[in-house]
Amino acid sequence: PYFVADIGKSVPGLSGLFVAGLCTAT
């Protein structure tokens, strides 16, 4: 998750898609 948060700063939409994927898995 730290990695996603880190690279998400430079990739718009990455954090949102990851959150969506993690929420759906849960």
PDB file of all heavy atoms in Angstrom:
ATOM      1  N   PRO A   1       0.816  -1.223   0.000  1.00  0.00           N
ATOM      2  CA  PRO A   1       0.000   0.000   0.000  1.00  0.00           C
ATOM      3  C   PRO A   1       0.850   1.274   0.000  1.00  0.00           C
ATOM      4  O   PRO A   1       0.483   2.266  -0.637  1.00  0.00           O
ATOM      5  CB  PRO A   1      -0.814  -0.123   1.294  1.00  0.00           C
ATOM      6  CG  PRO A   1      -0.855  -1.574   1.583  1.00  0.00           C
ATOM      7  CD  PRO A   1       0.442  -2.127   1.094  1.00  0.00           C
ATOM      8  N   TYR A   2       1.984   1.230   0.710  1.00  0.00           N
ATOM      9  CA  TYR A   2       2.890   2.376   0.697  1.00  0.00           C
ATOM     10  C   TYR A   2       3.416   2.637  -0.708  1.00  0.00           C
ATOM     11  O   TYR A   2       3.501   3.785  -1.166  1.00  0.00           O
ATOM     12  CB  TYR A   2       4.058   2.117   1.654  1.00  0.00           C
ATOM     13  CG  TYR A   2       5.074   3.230   1.689  1.00  0.00           C
ATOM     14  CD1 TYR A   2       4.913   4.310   2.558  1.00  0.00           C
ATOM     15  CD2 TYR A   2       6.189   3.214   0.859  1.00  0.00           C
ATOM     16  CE1 TYR A   2       5.855   5.339   2.594  1.00  0.00           C
ATOM     17  CE2 TYR A   2       7.121   4.233   0.876  1.00  0.00           C
ATOM     18  CZ  TYR A   2       6.949   5.290   1.746  1.00  0.00           C
ATOM     19  OH  TYR A   2       7.876   6.315   1.768  1.00  0.00           O
ATOM     20  N   PHE A   3       3.748   1.568  -1.411  1.00  0.00           N
ATOM     21  CA  PHE A   3       4.226   1.675  -2.791  1.00  0.00           C
ATOM     22  C   PHE A   3       3.168   2.318  -3.687  1.00  0.00           C
ATOM     23  O   PHE A   3       3.459   3.204  -4.485  1.00  0.00           O
ATOM     24  CB  PHE A   3       4.593   0.269  -3.295  1.00  0.00           C
ATOM     25  CG  PHE A   3       4.798   0.171  -4.774  1.00  0.00           C
ATOM     26  CD1 PHE A   3       5.950   0.655  -5.370  1.00  0.00           C
ATOM     27  CD2 PHE A   3       3.827  -0.419  -5.587  1.00  0.00           C
ATOM     28  CE1 PHE A   3       6.141   0.550  -6.752  1.00  0.00           C
ATOM     29  CE2 PHE A   3       4.012  -0.523  -6.952  1.00  0.00           C
ATOM     30  CZ  PHE A   3       5.171  -0.030  -7.533  1.00  0.00           C
ATOM     31  N   VAL A   4       1.916   1.870  -3.543  1.00  0.00           N
ATOM     32  CA  VAL A   4       0.833   2.432  -4.359  1.00  0.00           C
ATOM     33  C   VAL A   4       0.638   3.910  -4.048  1.00  0.00           C
ATOM     34  O   VAL A   4       0.467   4.738  -4.955  1.00  0.00           O
ATOM     35  CB  VAL A   4      -0.479   1.655  -4.122  1.00  0.00           C
ATOM     36  CG1 VAL A   4      -1.645   2.329  -4.837  1.00  0.00           C
ATOM     37  CG2 VAL A   4      -0.349   0.215  -4.594  1.00  0.00           C
ATOM     38  N   ALA A   5       0.664   4.249  -2.753  1.00  0.00           N
ATOM     39  CA  ALA A   5       0.501   5.650  -2.368  1.00  0.00           C
ATOM     40  C   ALA A   5       1.646   6.498  -2.902  1.00  0.00           C
ATOM     41  O   ALA A   5       1.443   7.648  -3.318  1.00  0.00           O
ATOM     42  CB  ALA A   5       0.425   5.757  -0.841  1.00  0.00           C
ATOM     43  N   ASP A   6       2.827   5.926  -2.920  1.00  0.00           N
ATOM     44  CA  ASP A   6       4.010   6.654  -3.361  1.00  0.00           C
ATOM     45  C   ASP A   6       3.955   6.943  -4.860  1.00  0.00           C
ATOM     46  O   ASP A   6       4.089   8.101  -5.297  1.00  0.00           O
ATOM     47  CB  ASP A   6       5.260   5.838  -3.014  1.00  0.00           C
ATOM     48  CG  ASP A   6       6.531   6.647  -3.149  1.00  0.00           C
ATOM     49  OD1 ASP A   6       6.449   7.872  -3.378  1.00  0.00           O
ATOM     50  OD2 ASP A   6       7.626   6.061  -3.022  1.00  0.00           O
ATOM     51  N   ILE A   7       3.749   5.913  -5.670  1.00  0.00           N
ATOM     52  CA  ILE A   7       3.740   6.135  -7.118  1.00  0.00           C
ATOM     53  C   ILE A   7       2.446   6.800  -7.567  1.00  0.00           C
ATOM     54  O   ILE A   7       2.378   7.372  -8.659  1.00  0.00           O
ATOM     55  CB  ILE A   7       3.958   4.827  -7.902  1.00  0.00           C
ATOM     56  CG1 ILE A   7       2.769   3.869  -7.743  1.00  0.00           C
ATOM     57  CG2 ILE A   7       5.247   4.147  -7.466  1.00  0.00           C
ATOM     58  CD1 ILE A   7       2.867   2.633  -8.635  1.00  0.00           C
ATOM     59  N   GLY A   8       1.400   6.740  -6.714  1.00  0.00           N
ATOM     60  CA  GLY A   8       0.133   7.373  -7.060  1.00  0.00           C
ATOM     61  C   GLY A   8       0.240   8.882  -7.159  1.00  0.00           C
ATOM     62  O   GLY A   8      -0.597   9.535  -7.796  1.00  0.00           O
ATOM     63  N   LYS A   9       1.267   9.453  -6.556  1.00  0.00           N
ATOM     64  CA  LYS A   9       1.461  10.904  -6.633  1.00  0.00           C
ATOM     65  C   LYS A   9       1.755  11.367  -8.052  1.00  0.00           C
ATOM     66  O   LYS A   9       1.406  12.489  -8.436  1.00  0.00           O
ATOM     67  CB  LYS A   9       2.627  11.310  -5.719  1.00  0.00           C
ATOM     68  CG  LYS A   9       2.418  10.988  -4.252  1.00  0.00           C
ATOM     69  CD  LYS A   9       3.680  11.276  -3.455  1.00  0.00           C
ATOM     70  CE  LYS A   9       3.530  10.851  -2.010  1.00  0.00           C
ATOM     71  NZ  LYS A   9       4.772  11.048  -1.225  1.00  0.00           N
ATOM     72  N   SER A  10       2.385  10.477  -8.827  1.00  0.00           N
ATOM     73  CA  SER A  10       2.769  10.857 -10.189  1.00  0.00           C
ATOM     74  C   SER A  10       1.902  10.211 -11.264  1.00  0.00           C
ATOM     75  O   SER A  10       2.111  10.458 -12.450  1.00  0.00           O
ATOM     76  CB  SER A  10       4.237  10.480 -10.434  1.00  0.00           C
ATOM     77  OG  SER A  10       4.445   9.097 -10.226  1.00  0.00           O
ATOM     78  N   VAL A  11       0.961   9.366 -10.849  1.00  0.00           N
ATOM     79  CA  VAL A  11       0.081   8.693 -11.811  1.00  0.00           C
ATOM     80  C   VAL A  11      -1.365   8.992 -11.437  1.00  0.00           C
ATOM     81  O   VAL A  11      -1.933   8.331 -10.560  1.00  0.00           O
ATOM     82  CB  VAL A  11       0.322   7.170 -11.831  1.00  0.00           C
ATOM     83  CG1 VAL A  11      -0.566   6.514 -12.884  1.00  0.00           C
ATOM     84  CG2 VAL A  11       1.784   6.851 -12.081  1.00  0.00           C
ATOM     85  N   PRO A  12      -2.014   9.976 -12.040  1.00  0.00           N
ATOM     86  CA  PRO A  12      -3.402  10.327 -11.699  1.00  0.00           C
ATOM     87  C   PRO A  12      -4.335   9.125 -11.896  1.00  0.00           C
ATOM     88  O   PRO A  12      -4.261   8.423 -12.906  1.00  0.00           O
ATOM     89  CB  PRO A  12      -3.730  11.451 -12.689  1.00  0.00           C
ATOM     90  CG  PRO A  12      -2.403  12.019 -13.073  1.00  0.00           C
ATOM     91  CD  PRO A  12      -1.450  10.871 -13.059  1.00  0.00           C
ATOM     92  N   GLY A  13      -5.194   8.909 -10.927  1.00  0.00           N
ATOM     93  CA  GLY A  13      -6.180   7.845 -11.012  1.00  0.00           C
ATOM     94  C   GLY A  13      -5.716   6.509 -10.471  1.00  0.00           C
ATOM     95  O   GLY A  13      -6.532   5.606 -10.243  1.00  0.00           O
ATOM     96  N   LEU A  14      -4.395   6.356 -10.254  1.00  0.00           N
ATOM     97  CA  LEU A  14      -3.880   5.071  -9.773  1.00  0.00           C
ATOM     98  C   LEU A  14      -4.404   4.750  -8.380  1.00  0.00           C
ATOM     99  O   LEU A  14      -4.841   3.626  -8.108  1.00  0.00           O
ATOM    100  CB  LEU A  14      -2.351   5.093  -9.766  1.00  0.00           C
ATOM    101  CG  LEU A  14      -1.678   3.808  -9.279  1.00  0.00           C
ATOM    102  CD1 LEU A  14      -1.968   2.661 -10.232  1.00  0.00           C
ATOM    103  CD2 LEU A  14      -0.169   4.002  -9.150  1.00  0.00           C
ATOM    104  N   SER A  15      -4.374   5.734  -7.490  1.00  0.00           N
ATOM    105  CA  SER A  15      -4.842   5.511  -6.123  1.00  0.00           C
ATOM    106  C   SER A  15      -6.318   5.139  -6.102  1.00  0.00           C
ATOM    107  O   SER A  15      -6.738   4.238  -5.363  1.00  0.00           O
ATOM    108  CB  SER A  15      -4.604   6.769  -5.272  1.00  0.00           C
ATOM    109  OG  SER A  15      -3.237   7.070  -5.178  1.00  0.00           O
ATOM    110  N   GLY A  16      -7.113   5.827  -6.923  1.00  0.00           N
ATOM    111  CA  GLY A  16      -8.547   5.545  -6.958  1.00  0.00           C
ATOM    112  C   GLY A  16      -8.837   4.145  -7.461  1.00  0.00           C
ATOM    113  O   GLY A  16      -9.680   3.439  -6.907  1.00  0.00           O
ATOM    114  N   LEU A  17      -8.121   3.711  -8.502  1.00  0.00           N
ATOM    115  CA  LEU A  17      -8.348   2.372  -9.039  1.00  0.00           C
ATOM    116  C   LEU A  17      -7.901   1.309  -8.043  1.00  0.00           C
ATOM    117  O   LEU A  17      -8.562   0.282  -7.870  1.00  0.00           O
ATOM    118  CB  LEU A  17      -7.603   2.204 -10.362  1.00  0.00           C
ATOM    119  CG  LEU A  17      -7.837   0.866 -11.079  1.00  0.00           C
ATOM    120  CD1 LEU A  17      -9.314   0.679 -11.402  1.00  0.00           C
ATOM    121  CD2 LEU A  17      -7.002   0.793 -12.359  1.00  0.00           C
ATOM    122  N   PHE A  18      -6.785   1.554  -7.372  1.00  0.00           N
ATOM    123  CA  PHE A  18      -6.312   0.591  -6.367  1.00  0.00           C
ATOM    124  C   PHE A  18      -7.318   0.465  -5.225  1.00  0.00           C
ATOM    125  O   PHE A  18      -7.627  -0.634  -4.770  1.00  0.00           O
ATOM    126  CB  PHE A  18      -4.957   1.027  -5.819  1.00  0.00           C
ATOM    127  CG  PHE A  18      -4.484   0.194  -4.655  1.00  0.00           C
ATOM    128  CD1 PHE A  18      -4.016  -1.097  -4.862  1.00  0.00           C
ATOM    129  CD2 PHE A  18      -4.519   0.690  -3.362  1.00  0.00           C
ATOM    130  CE1 PHE A  18      -3.579  -1.875  -3.793  1.00  0.00           C
ATOM    131  CE2 PHE A  18      -4.093  -0.073  -2.289  1.00  0.00           C
ATOM    132  CZ  PHE A  18      -3.619  -1.359  -2.501  1.00  0.00           C
ATOM    133  N   VAL A  19      -7.811   1.608  -4.767  1.00  0.00           N
ATOM    134  CA  VAL A  19      -8.813   1.592  -3.700  1.00  0.00           C
ATOM    135  C   VAL A  19     -10.051   0.836  -4.145  1.00  0.00           C
ATOM    136  O   VAL A  19     -10.622   0.033  -3.394  1.00  0.00           O
ATOM    137  CB  VAL A  19      -9.173   3.031  -3.263  1.00  0.00           C
ATOM    138  CG1 VAL A  19     -10.419   3.038  -2.387  1.00  0.00           C
ATOM    139  CG2 VAL A  19      -8.010   3.662  -2.524  1.00  0.00           C
ATOM    140  N   ALA A  20     -10.489   1.082  -5.384  1.00  0.00           N
ATOM    141  CA  ALA A  20     -11.656   0.384  -5.911  1.00  0.00           C
ATOM    142  C   ALA A  20     -11.407  -1.120  -5.953  1.00  0.00           C
ATOM    143  O   ALA A  20     -12.255  -1.926  -5.550  1.00  0.00           O
ATOM    144  CB  ALA A  20     -12.000   0.903  -7.306  1.00  0.00           C
ATOM    145  N   GLY A  21     -10.221  -1.515  -6.437  1.00  0.00           N
ATOM    146  CA  GLY A  21      -9.898  -2.931  -6.509  1.00  0.00           C
ATOM    147  C   GLY A  21      -9.837  -3.582  -5.148  1.00  0.00           C
ATOM    148  O   GLY A  21     -10.335  -4.701  -4.941  1.00  0.00           O
ATOM    149  N   LEU A  22      -9.239  -2.897  -4.189  1.00  0.00           N
ATOM    150  CA  LEU A  22      -9.122  -3.455  -2.843  1.00  0.00           C
ATOM    151  C   LEU A  22     -10.485  -3.547  -2.172  1.00  0.00           C
ATOM    152  O   LEU A  22     -10.793  -4.524  -1.477  1.00  0.00           O
ATOM    153  CB  LEU A  22      -8.173  -2.595  -2.004  1.00  0.00           C
ATOM    154  CG  LEU A  22      -7.591  -3.254  -0.757  1.00  0.00           C
ATOM    155  CD1 LEU A  22      -6.803  -4.496  -1.127  1.00  0.00           C
ATOM    156  CD2 LEU A  22      -6.704  -2.275  -0.005  1.00  0.00           C
ATOM    157  N   CYS A  23     -11.304  -2.510  -2.374  1.00  0.00           N
ATOM    158  CA  CYS A  23     -12.658  -2.543  -1.799  1.00  0.00           C
ATOM    159  C   CYS A  23     -13.475  -3.688  -2.389  1.00  0.00           C
ATOM    160  O   CYS A  23     -14.191  -4.391  -1.657  1.00  0.00           O
ATOM    161  CB  CYS A  23     -13.376  -1.216  -2.060  1.00  0.00           C
ATOM    162  SG  CYS A  23     -12.978   0.073  -0.884  1.00  0.00           S
ATOM    163  N   THR A  24     -13.380  -3.883  -3.695  1.00  0.00           N
ATOM    164  CA  THR A  24     -14.155  -4.954  -4.310  1.00  0.00           C
ATOM    165  C   THR A  24     -13.675  -6.321  -3.839  1.00  0.00           C
ATOM    166  O   THR A  24     -14.476  -7.233  -3.628  1.00  0.00           O
ATOM    167  CB  THR A  24     -14.068  -4.889  -5.841  1.00  0.00           C
ATOM    168  OG1 THR A  24     -12.692  -4.898  -6.244  1.00  0.00           O
ATOM    169  CG2 THR A  24     -14.730  -3.640  -6.382  1.00  0.00           C
ATOM    170  N   ALA A  25     -12.356  -6.480  -3.674  1.00  0.00           N
ATOM    171  CA  ALA A  25     -11.834  -7.744  -3.161  1.00  0.00           C
ATOM    172  C   ALA A  25     -12.354  -8.010  -1.754  1.00  0.00           C
ATOM    173  O   ALA A  25     -12.714  -9.139  -1.399  1.00  0.00           O
ATOM    174  CB  ALA A  25     -10.307  -7.727  -3.170  1.00  0.00           C
ATOM    175  N   THR A  26     -12.405  -6.954  -0.945  1.00  0.00           N
ATOM    176  CA  THR A  26     -12.898  -7.092   0.426  1.00  0.00           C
ATOM    177  C   THR A  26     -14.375  -7.445   0.436  1.00  0.00           C
ATOM    178  O   THR A  26     -14.815  -8.353   1.153  1.00  0.00           O
ATOM    179  CB  THR A  26     -12.682  -5.778   1.208  1.00  0.00           C
ATOM    180  OG1 THR A  26     -11.317  -5.386   1.102  1.00  0.00           O
ATOM    181  CG2 THR A  26     -13.049  -5.954   2.668  1.00  0.00           C
TER     182      THR A  26
END
